[in-house]
Amino acid sequence: MPSATTASARLEARISTDLHGLLKRAAELQGRTMTDFVVAAVQDAAQRAIEQAQVLRLSRADQECFAQALLEPPAAAPALKRALARRRTLLRDVSGEAQ
């Protein structure tokens, strides 16, 4: 019986007898129960699927556009120039007060 802190859920699947035999043999080769083998394999596959979905994928054209933007960034917009000037002023005021 599971402890109060360990929740579990049941997963059932219908598989061919050939696949069942394959899983059983693989589990035996690893010295595991079939349940342990299947749970570990499914967990690994789920983790890989999630990791692959989180990887940023760009088309060749997008890669070239991104690289070009890094190599030759566009000119700063007026709002960005004002923000940077304001930042310089604020930092100068803060450093002047500390002295």
Protein backbone atom coordinates (compact mmCIF):
# COMPACT_ATOMS: atom_id res chain seq x y z
CA MET A 1 0.00 0.00 0.00
CA PRO A 2 1.51 3.40 -0.97
CA SER A 3 2.37 5.82 1.76
CA ALA A 4 0.36 9.02 2.24
CA THR A 5 3.20 11.10 0.74
CA THR A 6 3.59 8.98 -2.42
CA ALA A 7 0.80 9.40 -4.94
CA SER A 8 0.57 7.03 -7.86
CA ALA A 9 -1.53 6.54 -10.94
CA ARG A 10 -2.20 3.52 -13.08
CA LEU A 11 -1.37 3.30 -16.79
CA GLU A 12 -2.73 0.52 -18.96
CA ALA A 13 -1.95 -0.22 -22.58
CA ARG A 14 -2.80 -2.97 -25.02
CA ILE A 15 0.28 -4.18 -26.89
CA SER A 16 1.00 -6.97 -29.33
CA THR A 17 2.37 -10.24 -28.02
CA ASP A 18 5.55 -9.59 -30.02
CA LEU A 19 6.09 -6.26 -28.27
CA HIS A 20 5.30 -7.85 -24.91
CA GLY A 21 7.97 -10.47 -25.56
CA LEU A 22 10.46 -7.82 -26.59
CA LEU A 23 9.84 -5.76 -23.46
CA LYS A 24 10.03 -8.83 -21.24
CA ARG A 25 13.35 -9.88 -22.76
CA ALA A 26 14.82 -6.38 -22.44
CA ALA A 27 13.70 -6.14 -18.81
CA GLU A 28 15.24 -9.53 -18.03
CA LEU A 29 18.53 -8.51 -19.64
CA GLN A 30 18.66 -5.48 -17.34
CA GLY A 31 17.61 -7.48 -14.28
CA ARG A 32 14.45 -5.43 -13.84
CA THR A 33 10.80 -6.16 -13.62
CA MET A 34 8.86 -5.43 -16.75
CA THR A 35 7.01 -2.64 -14.94
CA ASP A 36 10.27 -0.99 -13.84
CA PHE A 37 11.68 -1.31 -17.35
CA VAL A 38 8.60 0.17 -19.04
CA VAL A 39 8.27 3.02 -16.52
CA ALA A 40 11.94 3.97 -16.93
CA ALA A 41 11.73 3.80 -20.73
CA VAL A 42 8.56 5.89 -20.85
CA GLN A 43 10.03 8.44 -18.44
CA ASP A 44 13.17 8.76 -20.58
CA ALA A 45 11.11 9.15 -23.75
CA ALA A 46 8.87 11.77 -22.12
CA GLN A 47 11.87 13.75 -20.88
CA ARG A 48 13.48 13.68 -24.35
CA ALA A 49 10.22 14.81 -25.98
CA ILE A 50 9.91 17.74 -23.58
CA GLU A 51 13.56 18.75 -24.04
CA GLN A 52 13.23 18.60 -27.82
CA ALA A 53 10.09 20.74 -27.73
CA GLN A 54 11.90 23.37 -25.67
CA VAL A 55 14.81 23.72 -28.10
CA LEU A 56 14.53 26.79 -30.28
CA ARG A 57 14.43 25.78 -33.90
CA LEU A 58 15.03 28.28 -36.68
CA SER A 59 14.77 27.86 -40.41
CA ARG A 60 17.90 28.53 -42.46
CA ALA A 61 16.54 31.97 -43.42
CA ASP A 62 15.75 32.77 -39.77
CA GLN A 63 19.26 31.72 -38.74
CA GLU A 64 20.79 34.01 -41.35
CA CYS A 65 18.52 36.90 -40.31
CA PHE A 66 19.44 36.40 -36.64
CA ALA A 67 23.16 36.23 -37.40
CA GLN A 68 22.92 39.33 -39.58
CA ALA A 69 21.15 41.24 -36.78
CA LEU A 70 23.98 40.29 -34.41
CA LEU A 71 26.67 41.30 -36.87
CA GLU A 72 24.97 44.52 -37.97
CA PRO A 73 22.44 45.59 -35.35
CA PRO A 74 19.89 48.19 -36.43
CA ALA A 75 20.34 51.78 -35.29
CA ALA A 76 18.96 52.53 -31.85
CA ALA A 77 15.46 53.99 -31.83
CA PRO A 78 15.05 57.51 -30.39
CA ALA A 79 13.28 56.11 -27.30
CA LEU A 80 16.24 53.81 -26.61
CA LYS A 81 18.67 56.70 -26.99
CA ARG A 82 16.63 58.77 -24.50
CA ALA A 83 16.51 55.84 -22.05
CA LEU A 84 20.28 55.36 -22.23
CA ALA A 85 20.89 59.08 -21.70
CA ARG A 86 18.55 59.02 -18.69
CA ARG A 87 20.38 55.99 -17.31
CA ARG A 88 23.75 57.73 -17.67
CA THR A 89 22.35 60.77 -15.84
CA LEU A 90 20.92 58.64 -13.03
CA LEU A 91 24.17 56.71 -12.60
CA ARG A 92 26.18 59.91 -12.60
CA ASP A 93 23.85 61.38 -9.93
CA VAL A 94 24.09 58.24 -7.78
CA SER A 95 27.87 58.02 -8.03
CA GLY A 96 28.19 61.75 -7.31
CA GLU A 97 26.15 61.38 -4.09
CA ALA A 98 28.28 58.49 -2.88
CA GLN A 99 31.50 60.54 -3.00
